[in-house]
């Protein structure tokens, strides 16, 4: 369930498409995201616009009503590896993204 959501985030990030990037976010996260700041990140972050399609699933951690999925993420332009984090939960009966980050 998490992998297609992660791939959608990668695609939207690489394309700098804010609307698609936040499409599956929980309401609380979507409200916290500032479109200007996110678009600035898309425009100025070499990593955010050059994420490799192939991410390796590292593990899952469950906390209460949420599940955190960890990925090994690579870039098409920068050497090295990053940890991707996707926090999922239910909102109004649908799986939604409550947090997403790469560090």
PDB file of N, CA and C in Angstrom:
ATOM      1  N   UNK A   1       0.813  -1.188   0.000  1.00  0.00           N
ATOM      2  CA  UNK A   1       0.000   0.000   0.000  1.00  0.00           C
ATOM      3  C   UNK A   1       0.869   1.269   0.000  1.00  0.00           C
ATOM      4  N   UNK A   2       1.998   1.233   0.693  1.00  0.00           N
ATOM      5  CA  UNK A   2       2.859   2.417   0.802  1.00  0.00           C
ATOM      6  C   UNK A   2       3.661   2.668  -0.470  1.00  0.00           C
ATOM      7  N   UNK A   3       4.105   1.611  -1.121  1.00  0.00           N
ATOM      8  CA  UNK A   3       4.999   1.779  -2.275  1.00  0.00           C
ATOM      9  C   UNK A   3       4.406   2.643  -3.393  1.00  0.00           C
ATOM     10  N   UNK A   4       3.150   2.424  -3.800  1.00  0.00           N
ATOM     11  CA  UNK A   4       2.598   3.304  -4.843  1.00  0.00           C
ATOM     12  C   UNK A   4       2.517   4.770  -4.391  1.00  0.00           C
ATOM     13  N   UNK A   5       2.213   5.001  -3.121  1.00  0.00           N
ATOM     14  CA  UNK A   5       2.162   6.372  -2.614  1.00  0.00           C
ATOM     15  C   UNK A   5       3.554   7.011  -2.644  1.00  0.00           C
ATOM     16  N   UNK A   6       4.569   6.235  -2.261  1.00  0.00           N
ATOM     17  CA  UNK A   6       5.946   6.752  -2.289  1.00  0.00           C
ATOM     18  C   UNK A   6       6.351   7.090  -3.721  1.00  0.00           C
ATOM     19  N   UNK A   7       6.039   6.198  -4.670  1.00  0.00           N
ATOM     20  CA  UNK A   7       6.390   6.450  -6.073  1.00  0.00           C
ATOM     21  C   UNK A   7       5.680   7.703  -6.604  1.00  0.00           C
ATOM     22  N   UNK A   8       4.423   7.916  -6.189  1.00  0.00           N
ATOM     23  CA  UNK A   8       3.697   9.119  -6.608  1.00  0.00           C
ATOM     24  C   UNK A   8       4.373  10.382  -6.062  1.00  0.00           C
ATOM     25  N   UNK A   9       4.831  10.322  -4.805  1.00  0.00           N
ATOM     26  CA  UNK A   9       5.532  11.471  -4.227  1.00  0.00           C
ATOM     27  C   UNK A   9       6.834  11.741  -4.972  1.00  0.00           C
ATOM     28  N   UNK A  10       7.579  10.686  -5.301  1.00  0.00           N
ATOM     29  CA  UNK A  10       8.837  10.852  -6.042  1.00  0.00           C
ATOM     30  C   UNK A  10       8.577  11.514  -7.395  1.00  0.00           C
ATOM     31  N   UNK A  11       7.581  11.025  -8.099  1.00  0.00           N
ATOM     32  CA  UNK A  11       7.259  11.562  -9.421  1.00  0.00           C
ATOM     33  C   UNK A  11       6.863  13.035  -9.325  1.00  0.00           C
ATOM     34  N   UNK A  12       5.978  13.361  -8.385  1.00  0.00           N
ATOM     35  CA  UNK A  12       5.522  14.743  -8.233  1.00  0.00           C
ATOM     36  C   UNK A  12       6.669  15.661  -7.808  1.00  0.00           C
ATOM     37  N   UNK A  13       7.545  15.170  -6.949  1.00  0.00           N
ATOM     38  CA  UNK A  13       8.699  15.956  -6.519  1.00  0.00           C
ATOM     39  C   UNK A  13       9.629  16.217  -7.692  1.00  0.00           C
ATOM     40  N   UNK A  14       9.936  15.185  -8.454  1.00  0.00           N
ATOM     41  CA  UNK A  14      10.822  15.343  -9.616  1.00  0.00           C
ATOM     42  C   UNK A  14      10.247  16.317 -10.637  1.00  0.00           C
ATOM     43  N   UNK A  15       8.928  16.331 -10.763  1.00  0.00           N
ATOM     44  CA  UNK A  15       8.270  17.223 -11.718  1.00  0.00           C
ATOM     45  C   UNK A  15       7.994  18.605 -11.125  1.00  0.00           C
ATOM     46  N   UNK A  16       8.189  18.756  -9.807  1.00  0.00           N
ATOM     47  CA  UNK A  16       7.880  20.025  -9.156  1.00  0.00           C
ATOM     48  C   UNK A  16       6.393  20.327  -9.178  1.00  0.00           C
ATOM     49  N   UNK A  17       5.576  19.283  -9.079  1.00  0.00           N
ATOM     50  CA  UNK A  17       4.132  19.420  -9.178  1.00  0.00           C
ATOM     51  C   UNK A  17       3.506  19.426  -7.779  1.00  0.00           C
ATOM     52  N   UNK A  18       3.288  20.620  -7.234  1.00  0.00           N
ATOM     53  CA  UNK A  18       2.770  20.766  -5.876  1.00  0.00           C
ATOM     54  C   UNK A  18       1.409  20.084  -5.696  1.00  0.00           C
ATOM     55  N   UNK A  19       0.499  20.289  -6.632  1.00  0.00           N
ATOM     56  CA  UNK A  19      -0.843  19.717  -6.527  1.00  0.00           C
ATOM     57  C   UNK A  19      -0.832  18.200  -6.402  1.00  0.00           C
ATOM     58  N   UNK A  20      -0.035  17.558  -7.216  1.00  0.00           N
ATOM     59  CA  UNK A  20       0.077  16.097  -7.147  1.00  0.00           C
ATOM     60  C   UNK A  20       0.841  15.664  -5.900  1.00  0.00           C
ATOM     61  N   UNK A  21       1.809  16.463  -5.491  1.00  0.00           N
ATOM     62  CA  UNK A  21       2.625  16.127  -4.321  1.00  0.00           C
ATOM     63  C   UNK A  21       1.764  16.036  -3.064  1.00  0.00           C
ATOM     64  N   UNK A  22       0.817  16.927  -2.888  1.00  0.00           N
ATOM     65  CA  UNK A  22       0.008  16.960  -1.662  1.00  0.00           C
ATOM     66  C   UNK A  22      -1.342  16.248  -1.811  1.00  0.00           C
ATOM     67  N   UNK A  23      -1.602  15.665  -2.947  1.00  0.00           N
ATOM     68  CA  UNK A  23      -2.914  15.080  -3.252  1.00  0.00           C
ATOM     69  C   UNK A  23      -3.382  14.045  -2.240  1.00  0.00           C
ATOM     70  N   UNK A  24      -2.491  13.209  -1.733  1.00  0.00           N
ATOM     71  CA  UNK A  24      -2.871  12.142  -0.806  1.00  0.00           C
ATOM     72  C   UNK A  24      -2.533  12.481   0.655  1.00  0.00           C
ATOM     73  N   UNK A  25      -2.197  13.747   0.910  1.00  0.00           N
ATOM     74  CA  UNK A  25      -1.863  14.156   2.275  1.00  0.00           C
ATOM     75  C   UNK A  25      -3.123  14.213   3.136  1.00  0.00           C
ATOM     76  N   UNK A  26      -2.959  13.908   4.423  1.00  0.00           N
ATOM     77  CA  UNK A  26      -4.025  14.121   5.391  1.00  0.00           C
ATOM     78  C   UNK A  26      -4.307  15.616   5.454  1.00  0.00           C
ATOM     79  N   UNK A  27      -5.512  15.982   5.818  1.00  0.00           N
ATOM     80  CA  UNK A  27      -5.878  17.404   5.873  1.00  0.00           C
ATOM     81  C   UNK A  27      -4.906  18.215   6.719  1.00  0.00           C
ATOM     82  N   UNK A  28      -4.541  17.684   7.888  1.00  0.00           N
ATOM     83  CA  UNK A  28      -3.650  18.430   8.789  1.00  0.00           C
ATOM     84  C   UNK A  28      -2.297  18.714   8.138  1.00  0.00           C
ATOM     85  N   UNK A  29      -1.757  17.747   7.389  1.00  0.00           N
ATOM     86  CA  UNK A  29      -0.474  17.948   6.723  1.00  0.00           C
ATOM     87  C   UNK A  29      -0.627  18.897   5.541  1.00  0.00           C
ATOM     88  N   UNK A  30      -1.683  18.737   4.773  1.00  0.00           N
ATOM     89  CA  UNK A  30      -1.902  19.612   3.615  1.00  0.00           C
ATOM     90  C   UNK A  30      -2.048  21.071   4.069  1.00  0.00           C
ATOM     91  N   UNK A  31      -2.716  21.294   5.198  1.00  0.00           N
ATOM     92  CA  UNK A  31      -2.875  22.653   5.708  1.00  0.00           C
ATOM     93  C   UNK A  31      -1.558  23.225   6.208  1.00  0.00           C
ATOM     94  N   UNK A  32      -0.691  22.354   6.723  1.00  0.00           N
ATOM     95  CA  UNK A  32       0.603  22.806   7.241  1.00  0.00           C
ATOM     96  C   UNK A  32       1.608  23.097   6.127  1.00  0.00           C
ATOM     97  N   UNK A  33       1.384  22.525   4.948  1.00  0.00           N
ATOM     98  CA  UNK A  33       2.307  22.719   3.829  1.00  0.00           C
ATOM     99  C   UNK A  33       2.053  24.080   3.198  1.00  0.00           C
ATOM    100  N   UNK A  34       3.076  24.841   3.047  1.00  0.00           N
ATOM    101  CA  UNK A  34       3.000  26.153   2.429  1.00  0.00           C
ATOM    102  C   UNK A  34       3.438  25.998   0.980  1.00  0.00           C
ATOM    103  N   UNK A  35       2.546  26.286   0.045  1.00  0.00           N
ATOM    104  CA  UNK A  35       2.836  26.087  -1.373  1.00  0.00           C
ATOM    105  C   UNK A  35       4.053  26.872  -1.827  1.00  0.00           C
ATOM    106  N   UNK A  36       4.242  28.058  -1.326  1.00  0.00           N
ATOM    107  CA  UNK A  36       5.387  28.872  -1.721  1.00  0.00           C
ATOM    108  C   UNK A  36       6.690  28.211  -1.276  1.00  0.00           C
ATOM    109  N   UNK A  37       6.719  27.737  -0.026  1.00  0.00           N
ATOM    110  CA  UNK A  37       7.925  27.093   0.509  1.00  0.00           C
ATOM    111  C   UNK A  37       8.220  25.794  -0.246  1.00  0.00           C
ATOM    112  N   UNK A  38       7.187  24.993  -0.496  1.00  0.00           N
ATOM    113  CA  UNK A  38       7.392  23.723  -1.208  1.00  0.00           C
ATOM    114  C   UNK A  38       7.876  23.994  -2.628  1.00  0.00           C
ATOM    115  N   UNK A  39       7.281  24.936  -3.313  1.00  0.00           N
ATOM    116  CA  UNK A  39       7.729  25.256  -4.673  1.00  0.00           C
ATOM    117  C   UNK A  39       9.150  25.793  -4.669  1.00  0.00           C
ATOM    118  N   UNK A  40       9.526  26.550  -3.627  1.00  0.00           N
ATOM    119  CA  UNK A  40      10.905  27.023  -3.495  1.00  0.00           C
ATOM    120  C   UNK A  40      11.853  25.828  -3.351  1.00  0.00           C
ATOM    121  N   UNK A  41      11.437  24.841  -2.553  1.00  0.00           N
ATOM    122  CA  UNK A  41      12.258  23.633  -2.388  1.00  0.00           C
ATOM    123  C   UNK A  41      12.387  22.893  -3.715  1.00  0.00           C
ATOM    124  N   UNK A  42      11.280  22.754  -4.431  1.00  0.00           N
ATOM    125  CA  UNK A  42      11.338  22.093  -5.737  1.00  0.00           C
ATOM    126  C   UNK A  42      12.313  22.822  -6.663  1.00  0.00           C
ATOM    127  N   UNK A  43      12.282  24.135  -6.630  1.00  0.00           N
ATOM    128  CA  UNK A  43      13.113  24.931  -7.539  1.00  0.00           C
ATOM    129  C   UNK A  43      14.586  24.936  -7.144  1.00  0.00           C
ATOM    130  N   UNK A  44      14.885  24.814  -5.859  1.00  0.00           N
ATOM    131  CA  UNK A  44      16.257  25.009  -5.394  1.00  0.00           C
ATOM    132  C   UNK A  44      16.953  23.770  -4.840  1.00  0.00           C
ATOM    133  N   UNK A  45      16.265  22.675  -4.723  1.00  0.00           N
ATOM    134  CA  UNK A  45      16.870  21.471  -4.170  1.00  0.00           C
ATOM    135  C   UNK A  45      17.189  20.482  -5.286  1.00  0.00           C
ATOM    136  N   UNK A  46      18.477  20.268  -5.501  1.00  0.00           N
ATOM    137  CA  UNK A  46      18.887  19.300  -6.518  1.00  0.00           C
ATOM    138  C   UNK A  46      18.360  17.901  -6.175  1.00  0.00           C
ATOM    139  N   UNK A  47      18.324  17.573  -4.897  1.00  0.00           N
ATOM    140  CA  UNK A  47      17.835  16.261  -4.475  1.00  0.00           C
ATOM    141  C   UNK A  47      16.345  16.119  -4.743  1.00  0.00           C
ATOM    142  N   UNK A  48      15.548  17.125  -4.373  1.00  0.00           N
ATOM    143  CA  UNK A  48      14.088  17.042  -4.504  1.00  0.00           C
ATOM    144  C   UNK A  48      13.632  16.892  -5.948  1.00  0.00           C
ATOM    145  N   UNK A  49      14.439  17.330  -6.902  1.00  0.00           N
ATOM    146  CA  UNK A  49      14.038  17.251  -8.310  1.00  0.00           C
ATOM    147  C   UNK A  49      14.733  16.130  -9.071  1.00  0.00           C
ATOM    148  N   UNK A  50      15.554  15.333  -8.373  1.00  0.00           N
ATOM    149  CA  UNK A  50      16.306  14.266  -9.042  1.00  0.00           C
ATOM    150  C   UNK A  50      16.316  12.980  -8.229  1.00  0.00           C
ATOM    151  N   UNK A  51      15.147  12.581  -7.744  1.00  0.00           N
ATOM    152  CA  UNK A  51      15.036  11.349  -6.972  1.00  0.00           C
ATOM    153  C   UNK A  51      14.925  10.156  -7.915  1.00  0.00           C
ATOM    154  N   UNK A  52      15.707   9.122  -7.640  1.00  0.00           N
ATOM    155  CA  UNK A  52      15.673   7.909  -8.470  1.00  0.00           C
ATOM    156  C   UNK A  52      14.351   7.188  -8.257  1.00  0.00           C
ATOM    157  N   UNK A  53      13.884   6.524  -9.307  1.00  0.00           N
ATOM    158  CA  UNK A  53      12.628   5.773  -9.233  1.00  0.00           C
ATOM    159  C   UNK A  53      12.722   4.554  -8.335  1.00  0.00           C
ATOM    160  N   UNK A  54      13.903   3.984  -8.233  1.00  0.00           N
ATOM    161  CA  UNK A  54      14.054   2.738  -7.480  1.00  0.00           C
ATOM    162  C   UNK A  54      14.461   3.014  -6.035  1.00  0.00           C
ATOM    163  N   UNK A  55      13.525   2.827  -5.138  1.00  0.00           N
ATOM    164  CA  UNK A  55      13.776   2.964  -3.705  1.00  0.00           C
ATOM    165  C   UNK A  55      13.675   1.577  -3.087  1.00  0.00           C
ATOM    166  N   UNK A  56      14.512   1.319  -2.110  1.00  0.00           N
ATOM    167  CA  UNK A  56      14.491   0.025  -1.423  1.00  0.00           C
ATOM    168  C   UNK A  56      13.729   0.155  -0.120  1.00  0.00           C
ATOM    169  N   UNK A  57      12.811  -0.747   0.087  1.00  0.00           N
ATOM    170  CA  UNK A  57      12.025  -0.786   1.314  1.00  0.00           C
ATOM    171  C   UNK A  57      12.912  -1.286   2.450  1.00  0.00           C
ATOM    172  N   UNK A  58      13.033  -0.520   3.532  1.00  0.00           N
ATOM    173  CA  UNK A  58      13.887  -0.899   4.662  1.00  0.00           C
ATOM    174  C   UNK A  58      13.118  -1.502   5.825  1.00  0.00           C
ATOM    175  N   UNK A  59      11.911  -1.043   6.065  1.00  0.00           N
ATOM    176  CA  UNK A  59      11.159  -1.576   7.190  1.00  0.00           C
ATOM    177  C   UNK A  59       9.922  -0.770   7.509  1.00  0.00           C
ATOM    178  N   UNK A  60       9.155  -1.304   8.463  1.00  0.00           N
ATOM    179  CA  UNK A  60       7.903  -0.689   8.883  1.00  0.00           C
ATOM    180  C   UNK A  60       7.886  -0.638  10.406  1.00  0.00           C
ATOM    181  N   UNK A  61       7.429   0.483  10.934  1.00  0.00           N
ATOM    182  CA  UNK A  61       7.270   0.659  12.369  1.00  0.00           C
ATOM    183  C   UNK A  61       5.833   1.106  12.611  1.00  0.00           C
ATOM    184  N   UNK A  62       5.175   0.466  13.551  1.00  0.00           N
ATOM    185  CA  UNK A  62       3.800   0.868  13.876  1.00  0.00           C
ATOM    186  C   UNK A  62       3.785   1.618  15.197  1.00  0.00           C
ATOM    187  N   UNK A  63       3.091   2.763  15.199  1.00  0.00           N
ATOM    188  CA  UNK A  63       2.886   3.558  16.408  1.00  0.00           C
ATOM    189  C   UNK A  63       1.429   3.951  16.477  1.00  0.00           C
ATOM    190  N   UNK A  64       0.731   3.368  17.392  1.00  0.00           N
ATOM    191  CA  UNK A  64      -0.685   3.710  17.544  1.00  0.00           C
ATOM    192  C   UNK A  64      -1.450   3.465  16.259  1.00  0.00           C
ATOM    193  N   UNK A  65      -2.066   4.501  15.754  1.00  0.00           N
ATOM    194  CA  UNK A  65      -2.900   4.396  14.553  1.00  0.00           C
ATOM    195  C   UNK A  65      -2.130   4.654  13.259  1.00  0.00           C
ATOM    196  N   UNK A  66      -0.821   4.880  13.368  1.00  0.00           N
ATOM    197  CA  UNK A  66      -0.020   5.208  12.188  1.00  0.00           C
ATOM    198  C   UNK A  66       1.071   4.169  11.950  1.00  0.00           C
ATOM    199  N   UNK A  67       1.477   4.065  10.707  1.00  0.00           N
ATOM    200  CA  UNK A  67       2.553   3.182  10.294  1.00  0.00           C
ATOM    201  C   UNK A  67       3.610   4.037   9.603  1.00  0.00           C
ATOM    202  N   UNK A  68       4.864   3.861  10.001  1.00  0.00           N
ATOM    203  CA  UNK A  68       5.975   4.556   9.358  1.00  0.00           C
ATOM    204  C   UNK A  68       6.710   3.559   8.481  1.00  0.00           C
ATOM    205  N   UNK A  69       6.868   3.899   7.220  1.00  0.00           N
ATOM    206  CA  UNK A  69       7.568   3.050   6.264  1.00  0.00           C
ATOM    207  C   UNK A  69       8.869   3.756   5.902  1.00  0.00           C
ATOM    208  N   UNK A  70       9.983   3.026   5.996  1.00  0.00           N
ATOM    209  CA  UNK A  70      11.297   3.594   5.690  1.00  0.00           C
ATOM    210  C   UNK A  70      11.821   3.042   4.373  1.00  0.00           C
ATOM    211  N   UNK A  71      12.459   3.923   3.603  1.00  0.00           N
ATOM    212  CA  UNK A  71      13.023   3.565   2.302  1.00  0.00           C
ATOM    213  C   UNK A  71      14.475   4.012   2.214  1.00  0.00           C
ATOM    214  N   UNK A  72      15.272   3.271   1.457  1.00  0.00           N
ATOM    215  CA  UNK A  72      16.595   3.741   1.030  1.00  0.00           C
ATOM    216  C   UNK A  72      16.357   4.427  -0.303  1.00  0.00           C
ATOM    217  N   UNK A  73      16.672   5.724  -0.342  1.00  0.00           N
ATOM    218  CA  UNK A  73      16.409   6.518  -1.536  1.00  0.00           C
ATOM    219  C   UNK A  73      17.714   7.000  -2.134  1.00  0.00           C
ATOM    220  N   UNK A  74      17.785   7.006  -3.446  1.00  0.00           N
ATOM    221  CA  UNK A  74      18.949   7.503  -4.165  1.00  0.00           C
ATOM    222  C   UNK A  74      18.538   8.658  -5.066  1.00  0.00           C
ATOM    223  N   UNK A  75      19.527   9.352  -5.553  1.00  0.00           N
ATOM    224  CA  UNK A  75      19.324  10.467  -6.467  1.00  0.00           C
ATOM    225  C   UNK A  75      19.915  10.090  -7.824  1.00  0.00           C
ATOM    226  N   UNK A  76      19.368  10.686  -8.862  1.00  0.00           N
ATOM    227  CA  UNK A  76      19.929  10.471 -10.198  1.00  0.00           C
ATOM    228  C   UNK A  76      21.106  11.406 -10.456  1.00  0.00           C
ATOM    229  N   UNK A  77      21.322  12.402  -9.582  1.00  0.00           N
ATOM    230  CA  UNK A  77      22.393  13.382  -9.795  1.00  0.00           C
ATOM    231  C   UNK A  77      23.402  13.472  -8.660  1.00  0.00           C
ATOM    232  N   UNK A  78      23.026  13.067  -7.465  1.00  0.00           N
ATOM    233  CA  UNK A  78      23.906  13.180  -6.303  1.00  0.00           C
ATOM    234  C   UNK A  78      24.295  11.781  -5.832  1.00  0.00           C
ATOM    235  N   UNK A  79      25.576  11.605  -5.557  1.00  0.00           N
ATOM    236  CA  UNK A  79      26.054  10.311  -5.063  1.00  0.00           C
ATOM    237  C   UNK A  79      25.586  10.098  -3.626  1.00  0.00           C
ATOM    238  N   UNK A  80      25.343   8.859  -3.275  1.00  0.00           N
ATOM    239  CA  UNK A  80      24.987   8.524  -1.900  1.00  0.00           C
ATOM    240  C   UNK A  80      23.567   8.018  -1.773  1.00  0.00           C
ATOM    241  N   UNK A  81      23.186   7.825  -0.515  1.00  0.00           N
ATOM    242  CA  UNK A  81      21.868   7.289  -0.198  1.00  0.00           C
ATOM    243  C   UNK A  81      21.236   8.149   0.896  1.00  0.00           C
ATOM    244  N   UNK A  82      19.911   8.205   0.885  1.00  0.00           N
ATOM    245  CA  UNK A  82      19.143   8.933   1.884  1.00  0.00           C
ATOM    246  C   UNK A  82      18.084   8.007   2.450  1.00  0.00           C
ATOM    247  N   UNK A  83      17.568   8.360   3.614  1.00  0.00           N
ATOM    248  CA  UNK A  83      16.453   7.629   4.210  1.00  0.00           C
ATOM    249  C   UNK A  83      15.181   8.389   3.885  1.00  0.00           C
ATOM    250  N   UNK A  84      14.239   7.678   3.308  1.00  0.00           N
ATOM    251  CA  UNK A  84      12.917   8.243   3.061  1.00  0.00           C
ATOM    252  C   UNK A  84      11.969   7.739   4.137  1.00  0.00           C
ATOM    253  N   UNK A  85      11.080   8.617   4.594  1.00  0.00           N
ATOM    254  CA  UNK A  85      10.124   8.257   5.641  1.00  0.00           C
ATOM    255  C   UNK A  85       8.730   8.649   5.197  1.00  0.00           C
ATOM    256  N   UNK A  86       7.818   7.696   5.301  1.00  0.00           N
ATOM    257  CA  UNK A  86       6.429   7.906   4.915  1.00  0.00           C
ATOM    258  C   UNK A  86       5.557   7.434   6.069  1.00  0.00           C
ATOM    259  N   UNK A  87       4.756   8.338   6.630  1.00  0.00           N
ATOM    260  CA  UNK A  87       3.866   7.995   7.739  1.00  0.00           C
ATOM    261  C   UNK A  87       2.445   7.942   7.201  1.00  0.00           C
ATOM    262  N   UNK A  88       1.822   6.779   7.358  1.00  0.00           N
ATOM    263  CA  UNK A  88       0.477   6.553   6.827  1.00  0.00           C
ATOM    264  C   UNK A  88      -0.515   6.288   7.945  1.00  0.00           C
ATOM    265  N   UNK A  89      -1.743   6.651   7.694  1.00  0.00           N
ATOM    266  CA  UNK A  89      -2.839   6.376   8.610  1.00  0.00           C
ATOM    267  C   UNK A  89      -4.150   6.539   7.870  1.00  0.00           C
ATOM    268  N   UNK A  90      -5.238   6.313   8.574  1.00  0.00           N
ATOM    269  CA  UNK A  90      -6.557   6.458   7.965  1.00  0.00           C
ATOM    270  C   UNK A  90      -7.168   7.803   8.328  1.00  0.00           C
ATOM    271  N   UNK A  91      -7.799   8.408   7.339  1.00  0.00           N
ATOM    272  CA  UNK A  91      -8.579   9.620   7.536  1.00  0.00           C
ATOM    273  C   UNK A  91      -9.848   9.476   6.706  1.00  0.00           C
ATOM    274  N   UNK A  92     -10.970   9.528   7.354  1.00  0.00           N
ATOM    275  CA  UNK A  92     -12.268   9.367   6.673  1.00  0.00           C
ATOM    276  C   UNK A  92     -12.325   8.073   5.868  1.00  0.00           C
ATOM    277  N   UNK A  93     -11.752   6.999   6.430  1.00  0.00           N
ATOM    278  CA  UNK A  93     -11.809   5.687   5.797  1.00  0.00           C
ATOM    279  C   UNK A  93     -10.823   5.463   4.665  1.00  0.00           C
ATOM    280  N   UNK A  94      -9.957   6.429   4.390  1.00  0.00           N
ATOM    281  CA  UNK A  94      -8.958   6.288   3.321  1.00  0.00           C
ATOM    282  C   UNK A  94      -7.558   6.374   3.895  1.00  0.00           C
ATOM    283  N   UNK A  95      -6.615   5.656   3.274  1.00  0.00           N
ATOM    284  CA  UNK A  95      -5.212   5.757   3.674  1.00  0.00           C
ATOM    285  C   UNK A  95      -4.696   7.104   3.196  1.00  0.00           C
ATOM    286  N   UNK A  96      -4.109   7.854   4.127  1.00  0.00           N
ATOM    287  CA  UNK A  96      -3.575   9.176   3.825  1.00  0.00           C
ATOM    288  C   UNK A  96      -2.150   9.295   4.344  1.00  0.00           C
ATOM    289  N   UNK A  97      -1.416  10.245   3.795  1.00  0.00           N
ATOM    290  CA  UNK A  97      -0.035  10.516   4.212  1.00  0.00           C
ATOM    291  C   UNK A  97      -0.075  11.577   5.314  1.00  0.00           C
ATOM    292  N   UNK A  98       0.483  11.218   6.468  1.00  0.00           N
ATOM    293  CA  UNK A  98       0.535  12.133   7.611  1.00  0.00           C
ATOM    294  C   UNK A  98       1.902  12.790   7.764  1.00  0.00           C
ATOM    295  N   UNK A  99       2.925  12.237   7.112  1.00  0.00           N
ATOM    296  CA  UNK A  99       4.246  12.853   7.079  1.00  0.00           C
ATOM    297  C   UNK A  99       5.046  12.178   5.970  1.00  0.00           C
ATOM    298  N   UNK A 100       5.960  12.941   5.375  1.00  0.00           N
ATOM    299  CA  UNK A 100       6.869  12.408   4.358  1.00  0.00           C
ATOM    300  C   UNK A 100       8.137  13.253   4.382  1.00  0.00           C
ATOM    301  N   UNK A 101       9.276  12.575   4.363  1.00  0.00           N
ATOM    302  CA  UNK A 101      10.533  13.313   4.375  1.00  0.00           C
ATOM    303  C   UNK A 101      11.660  12.450   3.819  1.00  0.00           C
ATOM    304  N   UNK A 102      12.714  13.131   3.423  1.00  0.00           N
ATOM    305  CA  UNK A 102      13.937  12.471   2.999  1.00  0.00           C
ATOM    306  C   UNK A 102      15.076  13.158   3.746  1.00  0.00           C
ATOM    307  N   UNK A 103      15.917  12.342   4.395  1.00  0.00           N
ATOM    308  CA  UNK A 103      17.040  12.917   5.127  1.00  0.00           C
ATOM    309  C   UNK A 103      18.226  11.994   5.049  1.00  0.00           C
TER     310      UNK A 103
END
